[in-house]
PDB file of N, CA and C in Angstrom:
ATOM      1  N   MET A   1      53.462 -62.606 128.453  1.00  0.00           N
ATOM      2  CA  MET A   1      54.361 -63.271 129.375  1.00  0.00           C
ATOM      3  C   MET A   1      54.063 -62.802 130.794  1.00  0.00           C
ATOM      4  N   THR A   2      53.951 -63.754 131.714  1.00  0.00           N
ATOM      5  CA  THR A   2      53.651 -63.416 133.099  1.00  0.00           C
ATOM      6  C   THR A   2      54.919 -63.176 133.901  1.00  0.00           C
ATOM      7  N   ASP A   3      54.804 -62.266 134.827  1.00  0.00           N
ATOM      8  CA  ASP A   3      55.921 -61.976 135.721  1.00  0.00           C
ATOM      9  C   ASP A   3      55.949 -63.044 136.814  1.00  0.00           C
ATOM     10  N   PRO A   4      57.011 -63.855 136.929  1.00  0.00           N
ATOM     11  CA  PRO A   4      57.052 -64.918 137.923  1.00  0.00           C
ATOM     12  C   PRO A   4      57.030 -64.411 139.359  1.00  0.00           C
ATOM     13  N   ASN A   5      57.342 -63.129 139.558  1.00  0.00           N
ATOM     14  CA  ASN A   5      57.336 -62.559 140.905  1.00  0.00           C
ATOM     15  C   ASN A   5      56.004 -61.922 141.269  1.00  0.00           C
ATOM     16  N   SER A   6      55.088 -61.879 140.318  1.00  0.00           N
ATOM     17  CA  SER A   6      53.782 -61.290 140.574  1.00  0.00           C
ATOM     18  C   SER A   6      52.971 -62.182 141.516  1.00  0.00           C
ATOM     19  N   PRO A   7      52.264 -61.581 142.497  1.00  0.00           N
ATOM     20  CA  PRO A   7      51.445 -62.389 143.400  1.00  0.00           C
ATOM     21  C   PRO A   7      50.330 -63.128 142.672  1.00  0.00           C
ATOM     22  N   ALA A   8      49.937 -62.643 141.493  1.00  0.00           N
ATOM     23  CA  ALA A   8      48.867 -63.282 140.729  1.00  0.00           C
ATOM     24  C   ALA A   8      49.363 -64.524 139.984  1.00  0.00           C
ATOM     25  N   THR A   9      50.678 -64.672 139.848  1.00  0.00           N
ATOM     26  CA  THR A   9      51.239 -65.827 139.161  1.00  0.00           C
ATOM     27  C   THR A   9      51.206 -67.032 140.101  1.00  0.00           C
ATOM     28  N   PRO A  10      50.524 -68.109 139.697  1.00  0.00           N
ATOM     29  CA  PRO A  10      50.461 -69.272 140.592  1.00  0.00           C
ATOM     30  C   PRO A  10      51.822 -69.922 140.751  1.00  0.00           C
ATOM     31  N   LYS A  11      52.061 -70.412 141.951  1.00  0.00           N
ATOM     32  CA  LYS A  11      53.306 -71.127 142.202  1.00  0.00           C
ATOM     33  C   LYS A  11      53.205 -72.510 141.586  1.00  0.00           C
ATOM     34  N   PRO A  12      54.301 -73.015 141.054  1.00  0.00           N
ATOM     35  CA  PRO A  12      54.247 -74.355 140.479  1.00  0.00           C
ATOM     36  C   PRO A  12      54.026 -75.392 141.574  1.00  0.00           C
ATOM     37  N   ALA A  13      53.246 -76.408 141.257  1.00  0.00           N
ATOM     38  CA  ALA A  13      53.049 -77.493 142.215  1.00  0.00           C
ATOM     39  C   ALA A  13      54.355 -78.255 142.343  1.00  0.00           C
ATOM     40  N   CYS A  14      54.711 -78.569 143.538  1.00  0.00           N
ATOM     41  CA  CYS A  14      55.986 -79.236 143.761  1.00  0.00           C
ATOM     42  C   CYS A  14      55.855 -80.168 144.953  1.00  0.00           C
ATOM     43  N   TRP A  15      56.265 -81.399 144.769  1.00  0.00           N
ATOM     44  CA  TRP A  15      56.335 -82.337 145.888  1.00  0.00           C
ATOM     45  C   TRP A  15      57.741 -82.221 146.434  1.00  0.00           C
ATOM     46  N   PHE A  16      57.869 -81.777 147.658  1.00  0.00           N
ATOM     47  CA  PHE A  16      59.179 -81.648 148.277  1.00  0.00           C
ATOM     48  C   PHE A  16      59.244 -82.621 149.433  1.00  0.00           C
ATOM     49  N   ARG A  17      59.988 -83.690 149.260  1.00  0.00           N
ATOM     50  CA  ARG A  17      60.124 -84.680 150.320  1.00  0.00           C
ATOM     51  C   ARG A  17      61.486 -84.517 150.960  1.00  0.00           C
ATOM     52  N   THR A  18      61.473 -84.207 152.229  1.00  0.00           N
ATOM     53  CA  THR A  18      62.745 -84.163 152.928  1.00  0.00           C
ATOM     54  C   THR A  18      63.113 -85.583 153.288  1.00  0.00           C
ATOM     55  N   ALA A  19      64.352 -85.899 153.204  1.00  0.00           N
ATOM     56  CA  ALA A  19      64.809 -87.248 153.535  1.00  0.00           C
ATOM     57  C   ALA A  19      64.994 -87.319 155.039  1.00  0.00           C
ATOM     58  N   THR A  20      64.003 -87.855 155.712  1.00  0.00           N
ATOM     59  CA  THR A  20      64.017 -87.886 157.164  1.00  0.00           C
ATOM     60  C   THR A  20      65.209 -88.656 157.687  1.00  0.00           C
ATOM     61  N   ARG A  21      65.628 -89.692 156.968  1.00  0.00           N
ATOM     62  CA  ARG A  21      66.825 -90.429 157.390  1.00  0.00           C
ATOM     63  C   ARG A  21      68.005 -89.477 157.496  1.00  0.00           C
ATOM     64  N   ARG A  22      68.141 -88.605 156.529  1.00  0.00           N
ATOM     65  CA  ARG A  22      69.253 -87.656 156.538  1.00  0.00           C
ATOM     66  C   ARG A  22      69.034 -86.589 157.597  1.00  0.00           C
ATOM     67  N   ARG A  23      67.777 -86.268 157.873  1.00  0.00           N
ATOM     68  CA  ARG A  23      67.474 -85.246 158.876  1.00  0.00           C
ATOM     69  C   ARG A  23      68.038 -85.655 160.229  1.00  0.00           C
ATOM     70  N   LEU A  24      67.987 -86.938 160.529  1.00  0.00           N
ATOM     71  CA  LEU A  24      68.496 -87.390 161.814  1.00  0.00           C
ATOM     72  C   LEU A  24      69.985 -87.068 161.950  1.00  0.00           C
ATOM     73  N   ALA A  25      70.722 -87.185 160.869  1.00  0.00           N
ATOM     74  CA  ALA A  25      72.158 -86.949 160.897  1.00  0.00           C
ATOM     75  C   ALA A  25      72.519 -85.503 160.584  1.00  0.00           C
ATOM     76  N   ARG A  26      71.739 -84.851 159.743  1.00  0.00           N
ATOM     77  CA  ARG A  26      72.085 -83.507 159.278  1.00  0.00           C
ATOM     78  C   ARG A  26      70.904 -82.583 159.429  1.00  0.00           C
ATOM     79  N   ARG A  27      70.403 -82.485 160.631  1.00  0.00           N
ATOM     80  CA  ARG A  27      69.155 -81.774 160.890  1.00  0.00           C
ATOM     81  C   ARG A  27      69.154 -80.337 160.388  1.00  0.00           C
ATOM     82  N   SER A  28      70.168 -79.559 160.737  1.00  0.00           N
ATOM     83  CA  SER A  28      70.154 -78.146 160.353  1.00  0.00           C
ATOM     84  C   SER A  28      70.214 -77.979 158.845  1.00  0.00           C
ATOM     85  N   ARG A  29      70.973 -78.834 158.154  1.00  0.00           N
ATOM     86  CA  ARG A  29      71.069 -78.736 156.704  1.00  0.00           C
ATOM     87  C   ARG A  29      69.712 -79.032 156.059  1.00  0.00           C
ATOM     88  N   CYS A  30      68.987 -80.012 156.608  1.00  0.00           N
ATOM     89  CA  CYS A  30      67.689 -80.366 156.055  1.00  0.00           C
ATOM     90  C   CYS A  30      66.680 -79.240 156.273  1.00  0.00           C
ATOM     91  N   PHE A  31      66.694 -78.641 157.466  1.00  0.00           N
ATOM     92  CA  PHE A  31      65.767 -77.554 157.714  1.00  0.00           C
ATOM     93  C   PHE A  31      66.093 -76.347 156.843  1.00  0.00           C
ATOM     94  N   LEU A  32      67.368 -76.152 156.536  1.00  0.00           N
ATOM     95  CA  LEU A  32      67.743 -75.102 155.597  1.00  0.00           C
ATOM     96  C   LEU A  32      67.133 -75.405 154.228  1.00  0.00           C
ATOM     97  N   ALA A  33      67.155 -76.667 153.828  1.00  0.00           N
ATOM     98  CA  ALA A  33      66.565 -77.056 152.546  1.00  0.00           C
ATOM     99  C   ALA A  33      65.070 -76.773 152.528  1.00  0.00           C
ATOM    100  N   THR A  34      64.374 -77.013 153.624  1.00  0.00           N
ATOM    101  CA  THR A  34      62.933 -76.728 153.644  1.00  0.00           C
ATOM    102  C   THR A  34      62.687 -75.226 153.544  1.00  0.00           C
ATOM    103  N   LYS A  35      63.553 -74.423 154.146  1.00  0.00           N
ATOM    104  CA  LYS A  35      63.388 -72.964 154.035  1.00  0.00           C
ATOM    105  C   LYS A  35      63.582 -72.501 152.598  1.00  0.00           C
ATOM    106  N   ILE A  36      64.558 -73.089 151.922  1.00  0.00           N
ATOM    107  CA  ILE A  36      64.807 -72.730 150.524  1.00  0.00           C
ATOM    108  C   ILE A  36      63.607 -73.113 149.658  1.00  0.00           C
ATOM    109  N   ALA A  37      63.012 -74.270 149.911  1.00  0.00           N
ATOM    110  CA  ALA A  37      61.899 -74.770 149.100  1.00  0.00           C
ATOM    111  C   ALA A  37      60.536 -74.315 149.607  1.00  0.00           C
ATOM    112  N   ALA A  38      60.482 -73.551 150.679  1.00  0.00           N
ATOM    113  CA  ALA A  38      59.215 -73.205 151.332  1.00  0.00           C
ATOM    114  C   ALA A  38      58.185 -72.594 150.381  1.00  0.00           C
ATOM    115  N   ASP A  39      58.620 -71.747 149.462  1.00  0.00           N
ATOM    116  CA  ASP A  39      57.682 -71.102 148.537  1.00  0.00           C
ATOM    117  C   ASP A  39      57.030 -72.100 147.585  1.00  0.00           C
ATOM    118  N   TYR A  40      57.631 -73.264 147.432  1.00  0.00           N
ATOM    119  CA  TYR A  40      57.117 -74.272 146.511  1.00  0.00           C
ATOM    120  C   TYR A  40      56.547 -75.490 147.226  1.00  0.00           C
ATOM    121  N   LEU A  41      56.585 -75.465 148.536  1.00  0.00           N
ATOM    122  CA  LEU A  41      56.097 -76.582 149.335  1.00  0.00           C
ATOM    123  C   LEU A  41      54.572 -76.562 149.343  1.00  0.00           C
ATOM    124  N   THR A  42      53.959 -77.561 148.716  1.00  0.00           N
ATOM    125  CA  THR A  42      52.502 -77.578 148.615  1.00  0.00           C
ATOM    126  C   THR A  42      51.859 -78.723 149.369  1.00  0.00           C
ATOM    127  N   CYS A  43      52.636 -79.740 149.723  1.00  0.00           N
ATOM    128  CA  CYS A  43      52.103 -80.903 150.431  1.00  0.00           C
ATOM    129  C   CYS A  43      53.261 -81.579 151.165  1.00  0.00           C
ATOM    130  N   VAL A  44      52.979 -82.129 152.335  1.00  0.00           N
ATOM    131  CA  VAL A  44      54.001 -82.912 153.028  1.00  0.00           C
ATOM    132  C   VAL A  44      53.516 -84.345 153.166  1.00  0.00           C
ATOM    133  N   SER A  45      54.442 -85.278 153.087  1.00  0.00           N
ATOM    134  CA  SER A  45      54.154 -86.697 153.253  1.00  0.00           C
ATOM    135  C   SER A  45      54.690 -87.124 154.611  1.00  0.00           C
ATOM    136  N   LEU A  46      53.862 -87.818 155.367  1.00  0.00           N
ATOM    137  CA  LEU A  46      54.230 -88.181 156.730  1.00  0.00           C
ATOM    138  C   LEU A  46      54.252 -89.690 156.917  1.00  0.00           C
ATOM    139  N   LYS A  47      55.372 -90.209 157.419  1.00  0.00           N
ATOM    140  CA  LYS A  47      55.450 -91.600 157.849  1.00  0.00           C
ATOM    141  C   LYS A  47      56.655 -91.744 158.759  1.00  0.00           C
ATOM    142  N   ASP A  48      56.590 -92.716 159.625  1.00  0.00           N
ATOM    143  CA  ASP A  48      57.643 -92.948 160.600  1.00  0.00           C
ATOM    144  C   ASP A  48      58.303 -94.290 160.293  1.00  0.00           C
ATOM    145  N   PHE A  49      59.536 -94.475 160.752  1.00  0.00           N
ATOM    146  CA  PHE A  49      60.242 -95.714 160.441  1.00  0.00           C
ATOM    147  C   PHE A  49      61.359 -95.978 161.434  1.00  0.00           C
ATOM    148  N   HIS A  50      61.879 -97.180 161.393  1.00  0.00           N
ATOM    149  CA  HIS A  50      63.079 -97.611 162.116  1.00  0.00           C
ATOM    150  C   HIS A  50      64.145 -97.939 161.091  1.00  0.00           C
ATOM    151  N   LEU A  51      65.360 -97.528 161.354  1.00  0.00           N
ATOM    152  CA  LEU A  51      66.489 -97.944 160.534  1.00  0.00           C
ATOM    153  C   LEU A  51      67.181 -99.109 161.224  1.00  0.00           C
ATOM    154  N   HIS A  52      67.611-100.069 160.437  1.00  0.00           N
ATOM    155  CA  HIS A  52      68.304-101.243 160.958  1.00  0.00           C
ATOM    156  C   HIS A  52      69.575-101.465 160.165  1.00  0.00           C
ATOM    157  N   ARG A  53      70.565-101.986 160.855  1.00  0.00           N
ATOM    158  CA  ARG A  53      71.779-102.383 160.157  1.00  0.00           C
ATOM    159  C   ARG A  53      71.708-103.887 159.960  1.00  0.00           C
ATOM    160  N   GLY A  54      71.950-104.305 158.756  1.00  0.00           N
ATOM    161  CA  GLY A  54      71.970-105.720 158.446  1.00  0.00           C
ATOM    162  C   GLY A  54      73.234-106.046 157.674  1.00  0.00           C
ATOM    163  N   GLU A  55      73.247-107.206 157.091  1.00  0.00           N
ATOM    164  CA  GLU A  55      74.390-107.597 156.268  1.00  0.00           C
ATOM    165  C   GLU A  55      73.914-108.230 154.982  1.00  0.00           C
ATOM    166  N   LYS A  56      74.705-108.016 153.955  1.00  0.00           N
ATOM    167  CA  LYS A  56      74.430-108.619 152.657  1.00  0.00           C
ATOM    168  C   LYS A  56      75.787-108.886 152.014  1.00  0.00           C
ATOM    169  N   ALA A  57      76.050-110.129 151.728  1.00  0.00           N
ATOM    170  CA  ALA A  57      77.309-110.526 151.089  1.00  0.00           C
ATOM    171  C   ALA A  57      78.520-109.997 151.860  1.00  0.00           C
ATOM    172  N   ASN A  58      78.476-110.157 153.180  1.00  0.00           N
ATOM    173  CA  ASN A  58      79.566-109.729 154.059  1.00  0.00           C
ATOM    174  C   ASN A  58      79.791-108.222 154.101  1.00  0.00           C
ATOM    175  N   HIS A  59      78.783-107.444 153.776  1.00  0.00           N
ATOM    176  CA  HIS A  59      78.872-105.986 153.822  1.00  0.00           C
ATOM    177  C   HIS A  59      77.709-105.454 154.649  1.00  0.00           C
ATOM    178  N   GLY A  60      77.915-104.284 155.208  1.00  0.00           N
ATOM    179  CA  GLY A  60      76.839-103.649 155.945  1.00  0.00           C
ATOM    180  C   GLY A  60      75.712-103.239 155.014  1.00  0.00           C
ATOM    181  N   LEU A  61      74.518-103.283 155.526  1.00  0.00           N
ATOM    182  CA  LEU A  61      73.336-102.950 154.734  1.00  0.00           C
ATOM    183  C   LEU A  61      72.384-102.179 155.626  1.00  0.00           C
ATOM    184  N   LYS A  62      71.834-101.110 155.129  1.00  0.00           N
ATOM    185  CA  LYS A  62      70.860-100.329 155.875  1.00  0.00           C
ATOM    186  C   LYS A  62      69.478-100.703 155.350  1.00  0.00           C
ATOM    187  N   SER A  63      68.576-100.989 156.272  1.00  0.00           N
ATOM    188  CA  SER A  63      67.203-101.244 155.860  1.00  0.00           C
ATOM    189  C   SER A  63      66.282-100.471 156.790  1.00  0.00           C
ATOM    190  N   ARG A  64      65.063-100.302 156.372  1.00  0.00           N
ATOM    191  CA  ARG A  64      64.124 -99.579 157.219  1.00  0.00           C
ATOM    192  C   ARG A  64      62.788-100.283 157.228  1.00  0.00           C
ATOM    193  N   ASP A  65      62.129-100.170 158.357  1.00  0.00           N
ATOM    194  CA  ASP A  65      60.777-100.679 158.516  1.00  0.00           C
ATOM    195  C   ASP A  65      59.867 -99.503 158.806  1.00  0.00           C
ATOM    196  N   VAL A  66      58.803 -99.364 158.045  1.00  0.00           N
ATOM    197  CA  VAL A  66      57.819 -98.320 158.315  1.00  0.00           C
ATOM    198  C   VAL A  66      56.994 -98.771 159.508  1.00  0.00           C
ATOM    199  N   VAL A  67      56.813 -97.869 160.473  1.00  0.00           N
ATOM    200  CA  VAL A  67      56.071 -98.175 161.696  1.00  0.00           C
ATOM    201  C   VAL A  67      55.015 -97.106 161.926  1.00  0.00           C
ATOM    202  N   GLU A  68      54.122 -97.376 162.853  1.00  0.00           N
ATOM    203  CA  GLU A  68      53.114 -96.371 163.203  1.00  0.00           C
ATOM    204  C   GLU A  68      53.793 -95.109 163.711  1.00  0.00           C
ATOM    205  N   ALA A  69      53.192 -93.976 163.448  1.00  0.00           N
ATOM    206  CA  ALA A  69      53.738 -92.695 163.886  1.00  0.00           C
ATOM    207  C   ALA A  69      53.932 -92.694 165.393  1.00  0.00           C
ATOM    208  N   GLY A  70      55.100 -92.201 165.807  1.00  0.00           N
ATOM    209  CA  GLY A  70      55.419 -92.141 167.221  1.00  0.00           C
ATOM    210  C   GLY A  70      56.199 -93.344 167.713  1.00  0.00           C
ATOM    211  N   LEU A  71      56.255 -94.408 166.924  1.00  0.00           N
ATOM    212  CA  LEU A  71      56.986 -95.611 167.317  1.00  0.00           C
ATOM    213  C   LEU A  71      58.343 -95.695 166.638  1.00  0.00           C
ATOM    214  N   GLY A  72      58.637 -94.735 165.779  1.00  0.00           N
ATOM    215  CA  GLY A  72      59.874 -94.763 165.009  1.00  0.00           C
ATOM    216  C   GLY A  72      60.886 -93.745 165.480  1.00  0.00           C
ATOM    217  N   MET A  73      61.704 -93.296 164.548  1.00  0.00           N
ATOM    218  CA  MET A  73      62.863 -92.461 164.845  1.00  0.00           C
ATOM    219  C   MET A  73      62.657 -90.977 164.556  1.00  0.00           C
ATOM    220  N   VAL A  74      61.566 -90.608 163.953  1.00  0.00           N
ATOM    221  CA  VAL A  74      61.363 -89.218 163.531  1.00  0.00           C
ATOM    222  C   VAL A  74      60.980 -88.350 164.725  1.00  0.00           C
ATOM    223  N   ASP A  75      61.614 -87.191 164.833  1.00  0.00           N
ATOM    224  CA  ASP A  75      61.293 -86.210 165.869  1.00  0.00           C
ATOM    225  C   ASP A  75      60.145 -85.336 165.353  1.00  0.00           C
ATOM    226  N   TRP A  76      58.919 -85.804 165.575  1.00  0.00           N
ATOM    227  CA  TRP A  76      57.747 -85.132 165.007  1.00  0.00           C
ATOM    228  C   TRP A  76      57.506 -83.755 165.602  1.00  0.00           C
ATOM    229  N   THR A  77      57.897 -83.544 166.844  1.00  0.00           N
ATOM    230  CA  THR A  77      57.737 -82.212 167.436  1.00  0.00           C
ATOM    231  C   THR A  77      58.545 -81.201 166.626  1.00  0.00           C
ATOM    232  N   SER A  78      59.790 -81.542 166.307  1.00  0.00           N
ATOM    233  CA  SER A  78      60.626 -80.640 165.506  1.00  0.00           C
ATOM    234  C   SER A  78      60.083 -80.461 164.092  1.00  0.00           C
ATOM    235  N   VAL A  79      59.577 -81.530 163.499  1.00  0.00           N
ATOM    236  CA  VAL A  79      59.029 -81.443 162.142  1.00  0.00           C
ATOM    237  C   VAL A  79      57.863 -80.452 162.109  1.00  0.00           C
ATOM    238  N   PHE A  80      56.929 -80.584 163.045  1.00  0.00           N
ATOM    239  CA  PHE A  80      55.773 -79.691 163.037  1.00  0.00           C
ATOM    240  C   PHE A  80      56.141 -78.269 163.452  1.00  0.00           C
ATOM    241  N   GLU A  81      57.125 -78.110 164.325  1.00  0.00           N
ATOM    242  CA  GLU A  81      57.599 -76.765 164.659  1.00  0.00           C
ATOM    243  C   GLU A  81      58.200 -76.091 163.437  1.00  0.00           C
ATOM    244  N   GLU A  82      58.927 -76.858 162.629  1.00  0.00           N
ATOM    245  CA  GLU A  82      59.510 -76.306 161.402  1.00  0.00           C
ATOM    246  C   GLU A  82      58.423 -75.928 160.406  1.00  0.00           C
ATOM    247  N   LEU A  83      57.401 -76.767 160.256  1.00  0.00           N
ATOM    248  CA  LEU A  83      56.288 -76.431 159.363  1.00  0.00           C
ATOM    249  C   LEU A  83      55.590 -75.156 159.827  1.00  0.00           C
ATOM    250  N   LYS A  84      55.445 -74.998 161.121  1.00  0.00           N
ATOM    251  CA  LYS A  84      54.842 -73.774 161.683  1.00  0.00           C
ATOM    252  C   LYS A  84      55.733 -72.575 161.373  1.00  0.00           C
ATOM    253  N   ALA A  85      57.042 -72.732 161.570  1.00  0.00           N
ATOM    254  CA  ALA A  85      57.969 -71.628 161.299  1.00  0.00           C
ATOM    255  C   ALA A  85      57.929 -71.207 159.833  1.00  0.00           C
ATOM    256  N   LEU A  86      57.638 -72.150 158.947  1.00  0.00           N
ATOM    257  CA  LEU A  86      57.542 -71.861 157.515  1.00  0.00           C
ATOM    258  C   LEU A  86      56.173 -71.326 157.116  1.00  0.00           C
ATOM    259  N   ASP A  87      55.248 -71.236 158.086  1.00  0.00           N
ATOM    260  CA  ASP A  87      53.852 -70.838 157.817  1.00  0.00           C
ATOM    261  C   ASP A  87      53.199 -71.766 156.809  1.00  0.00           C
ATOM    262  N   PHE A  88      53.544 -73.043 156.875  1.00  0.00           N
ATOM    263  CA  PHE A  88      52.961 -74.025 155.958  1.00  0.00           C
ATOM    264  C   PHE A  88      51.491 -74.223 156.303  1.00  0.00           C
ATOM    265  N   ASP A  89      50.629 -74.119 155.284  1.00  0.00           N
ATOM    266  CA  ASP A  89      49.197 -74.324 155.520  1.00  0.00           C
ATOM    267  C   ASP A  89      48.594 -75.279 154.486  1.00  0.00           C
ATOM    268  N   GLY A  90      49.432 -76.089 153.883  1.00  0.00           N
ATOM    269  CA  GLY A  90      48.961 -77.042 152.879  1.00  0.00           C
ATOM    270  C   GLY A  90      48.562 -78.374 153.486  1.00  0.00           C
ATOM    271  N   PRO A  91      48.171 -79.290 152.641  1.00  0.00           N
ATOM    272  CA  PRO A  91      47.746 -80.613 153.126  1.00  0.00           C
ATOM    273  C   PRO A  91      48.926 -81.488 153.522  1.00  0.00           C
ATOM    274  N   ALA A  92      48.623 -82.454 154.368  1.00  0.00           N
ATOM    275  CA  ALA A  92      49.600 -83.464 154.755  1.00  0.00           C
ATOM    276  C   ALA A  92      49.034 -84.817 154.347  1.00  0.00           C
ATOM    277  N   SER A  93      49.861 -85.617 153.729  1.00  0.00           N
ATOM    278  CA  SER A  93      49.466 -86.946 153.287  1.00  0.00           C
ATOM    279  C   SER A  93      50.060 -87.961 154.258  1.00  0.00           C
ATOM    280  N   ILE A  94      49.191 -88.684 154.955  1.00  0.00           N
ATOM    281  CA  ILE A  94      49.643 -89.676 155.927  1.00  0.00           C
ATOM    282  C   ILE A  94      49.808 -91.004 155.196  1.00  0.00           C
ATOM    283  N   HIS A  95      51.014 -91.542 155.228  1.00  0.00           N
ATOM    284  CA  HIS A  95      51.319 -92.784 154.523  1.00  0.00           C
ATOM    285  C   HIS A  95      51.306 -93.946 155.508  1.00  0.00           C
ATOM    286  N   CYS A  96      50.218 -94.648 155.575  1.00  0.00           N
ATOM    287  CA  CYS A  96      50.048 -95.770 156.507  1.00  0.00           C
ATOM    288  C   CYS A  96      50.574 -97.041 155.848  1.00  0.00           C
ATOM    289  N   GLU A  97      51.888 -97.150 155.750  1.00  0.00           N
ATOM    290  CA  GLU A  97      52.525 -98.275 155.063  1.00  0.00           C
ATOM    291  C   GLU A  97      53.053 -99.314 156.042  1.00  0.00           C
ATOM    292  N   PHE A  98      52.643 -99.225 157.291  1.00  0.00           N
ATOM    293  CA  PHE A  98      53.133-100.120 158.327  1.00  0.00           C
ATOM    294  C   PHE A  98      52.274-101.380 158.419  1.00  0.00           C
ATOM    295  N   GLU A  99      52.848-102.381 159.072  1.00  0.00           N
ATOM    296  CA  GLU A  99      52.084-103.583 159.385  1.00  0.00           C
ATOM    297  C   GLU A  99      51.692-103.497 160.849  1.00  0.00           C
ATOM    298  N   THR A 100      50.540-104.064 161.194  1.00  0.00           N
ATOM    299  CA  THR A 100      50.068-104.005 162.572  1.00  0.00           C
ATOM    300  C   THR A 100      49.341-105.287 162.934  1.00  0.00           C
ATOM    301  N   ASP A 101      49.394-105.628 164.212  1.00  0.00           N
ATOM    302  CA  ASP A 101      48.638-106.777 164.705  1.00  0.00           C
ATOM    303  C   ASP A 101      47.202-106.380 165.015  1.00  0.00           C
ATOM    304  N   ASP A 102      46.964-105.076 165.171  1.00  0.00           N
ATOM    305  CA  ASP A 102      45.619-104.565 165.429  1.00  0.00           C
ATOM    306  C   ASP A 102      44.816-104.510 164.138  1.00  0.00           C
ATOM    307  N   ASP A 103      43.551-104.206 164.282  1.00  0.00           N
ATOM    308  CA  ASP A 103      42.720-103.909 163.130  1.00  0.00           C
ATOM    309  C   ASP A 103      43.347-102.713 162.408  1.00  0.00           C
ATOM    310  N   PHE A 104      43.543-102.815 161.088  1.00  0.00           N
ATOM    311  CA  PHE A 104      44.256-101.779 160.353  1.00  0.00           C
ATOM    312  C   PHE A 104      43.558-100.425 160.457  1.00  0.00           C
ATOM    313  N   LEU A 105      42.232-100.397 160.368  1.00  0.00           N
ATOM    314  CA  LEU A 105      41.505 -99.127 160.459  1.00  0.00           C
ATOM    315  C   LEU A 105      41.720 -98.475 161.828  1.00  0.00           C
ATOM    316  N   THR A 106      41.781 -99.276 162.870  1.00  0.00           N
ATOM    317  CA  THR A 106      42.056 -98.748 164.212  1.00  0.00           C
ATOM    318  C   THR A 106      43.445 -98.122 164.250  1.00  0.00           C
ATOM    319  N   ALA A 107      44.427 -98.793 163.649  1.00  0.00           N
ATOM    320  CA  ALA A 107      45.796 -98.268 163.604  1.00  0.00           C
ATOM    321  C   ALA A 107      45.862 -96.978 162.786  1.00  0.00           C
ATOM    322  N   VAL A 108      45.130 -96.913 161.685  1.00  0.00           N
ATOM    323  CA  VAL A 108      45.098 -95.701 160.864  1.00  0.00           C
ATOM    324  C   VAL A 108      44.501 -94.544 161.661  1.00  0.00           C
ATOM    325  N   ARG A 109      43.466 -94.821 162.416  1.00  0.00           N
ATOM    326  CA  ARG A 109      42.863 -93.765 163.256  1.00  0.00           C
ATOM    327  C   ARG A 109      43.851 -93.266 164.308  1.00  0.00           C
ATOM    328  N   ARG A 110      44.614 -94.198 164.918  1.00  0.00           N
ATOM    329  CA  ARG A 110      45.644 -93.799 165.885  1.00  0.00           C
ATOM    330  C   ARG A 110      46.690 -92.915 165.215  1.00  0.00           C
ATOM    331  N   GLU A 111      47.085 -93.308 164.019  1.00  0.00           N
ATOM    332  CA  GLU A 111      48.084 -92.544 163.271  1.00  0.00           C
ATOM    333  C   GLU A 111      47.572 -91.131 162.968  1.00  0.00           C
ATOM    334  N   ALA A 112      46.353 -91.024 162.497  1.00  0.00           N
ATOM    335  CA  ALA A 112      45.767 -89.708 162.205  1.00  0.00           C
ATOM    336  C   ALA A 112      45.674 -88.865 163.481  1.00  0.00           C
ATOM    337  N   ALA A 113      45.242 -89.478 164.585  1.00  0.00           N
ATOM    338  CA  ALA A 113      45.131 -88.756 165.859  1.00  0.00           C
ATOM    339  C   ALA A 113      46.500 -88.263 166.320  1.00  0.00           C
ATOM    340  N   PHE A 114      47.524 -89.089 166.123  1.00  0.00           N
ATOM    341  CA  PHE A 114      48.888 -88.711 166.495  1.00  0.00           C
ATOM    342  C   PHE A 114      49.311 -87.451 165.742  1.00  0.00           C
ATOM    343  N   PHE A 115      49.122 -87.442 164.424  1.00  0.00           N
ATOM    344  CA  PHE A 115      49.542 -86.288 163.629  1.00  0.00           C
ATOM    345  C   PHE A 115      48.681 -85.055 163.915  1.00  0.00           C
ATOM    346  N   LEU A 116      47.399 -85.254 164.124  1.00  0.00           N
ATOM    347  CA  LEU A 116      46.535 -84.117 164.462  1.00  0.00           C
ATOM    348  C   LEU A 116      46.941 -83.496 165.795  1.00  0.00           C
ATOM    349  N   ALA A 117      47.310 -84.323 166.767  1.00  0.00           N
ATOM    350  CA  ALA A 117      47.746 -83.803 168.064  1.00  0.00           C
ATOM    351  C   ALA A 117      49.042 -83.005 167.922  1.00  0.00           C
ATOM    352  N   HIS A 118      49.981 -83.498 167.113  1.00  0.00           N
ATOM    353  CA  HIS A 118      51.229 -82.754 166.902  1.00  0.00           C
ATOM    354  C   HIS A 118      50.982 -81.451 166.139  1.00  0.00           C
ATOM    355  N   ARG A 119      50.079 -81.515 165.198  1.00  0.00           N
ATOM    356  CA  ARG A 119      49.735 -80.285 164.464  1.00  0.00           C
ATOM    357  C   ARG A 119      49.111 -79.269 165.407  1.00  0.00           C
ATOM    358  N   GLN A 120      48.193 -79.702 166.244  1.00  0.00           N
ATOM    359  CA  GLN A 120      47.524 -78.821 167.193  1.00  0.00           C
ATOM    360  C   GLN A 120      48.541 -78.205 168.171  1.00  0.00           C
ATOM    361  N   GLN A 121      49.475 -79.029 168.623  1.00  0.00           N
ATOM    362  CA  GLN A 121      50.497 -78.553 169.548  1.00  0.00           C
ATOM    363  C   GLN A 121      51.361 -77.459 168.904  1.00  0.00           C
ATOM    364  N   ALA A 122      51.739 -77.667 167.654  1.00  0.00           N
ATOM    365  CA  ALA A 122      52.620 -76.706 166.974  1.00  0.00           C
ATOM    366  C   ALA A 122      51.870 -75.462 166.486  1.00  0.00           C
ATOM    367  N   PHE A 123      50.681 -75.668 165.930  1.00  0.00           N
ATOM    368  CA  PHE A 123      49.967 -74.566 165.288  1.00  0.00           C
ATOM    369  C   PHE A 123      48.935 -73.898 166.192  1.00  0.00           C
ATOM    370  N   GLY A 124      48.551 -74.571 167.262  1.00  0.00           N
ATOM    371  CA  GLY A 124      47.542 -74.022 168.181  1.00  0.00           C
ATOM    372  C   GLY A 124      46.133 -74.151 167.683  1.00  0.00           C
TER     373      GLY A 124
END
């Protein structure tokens, strides 16, 4: 039987997705959640979006549109500062789920450059 606290014991792989929508409203609580999960955080997923209020059957409805990074509601400076504070050194998965009028590959390159610039700013 292996000791789970031993440095030789591998950490379990875990996808930890913070709900960015909730981060906007409950920022400190979400960052507390990332600190709690930091030892198991192995990859981060990155995408930006807009939230919209709509209606459905005479009731309010929340919908979101995925947009290019930097055009949405996510405070990426704070996100990368938090990753730096956690000493996160794992991979980031960029989710290019947006629609664009430009050539898609050009938009993907812009998105990657955006995240690399924020990473460089936070991590040096």
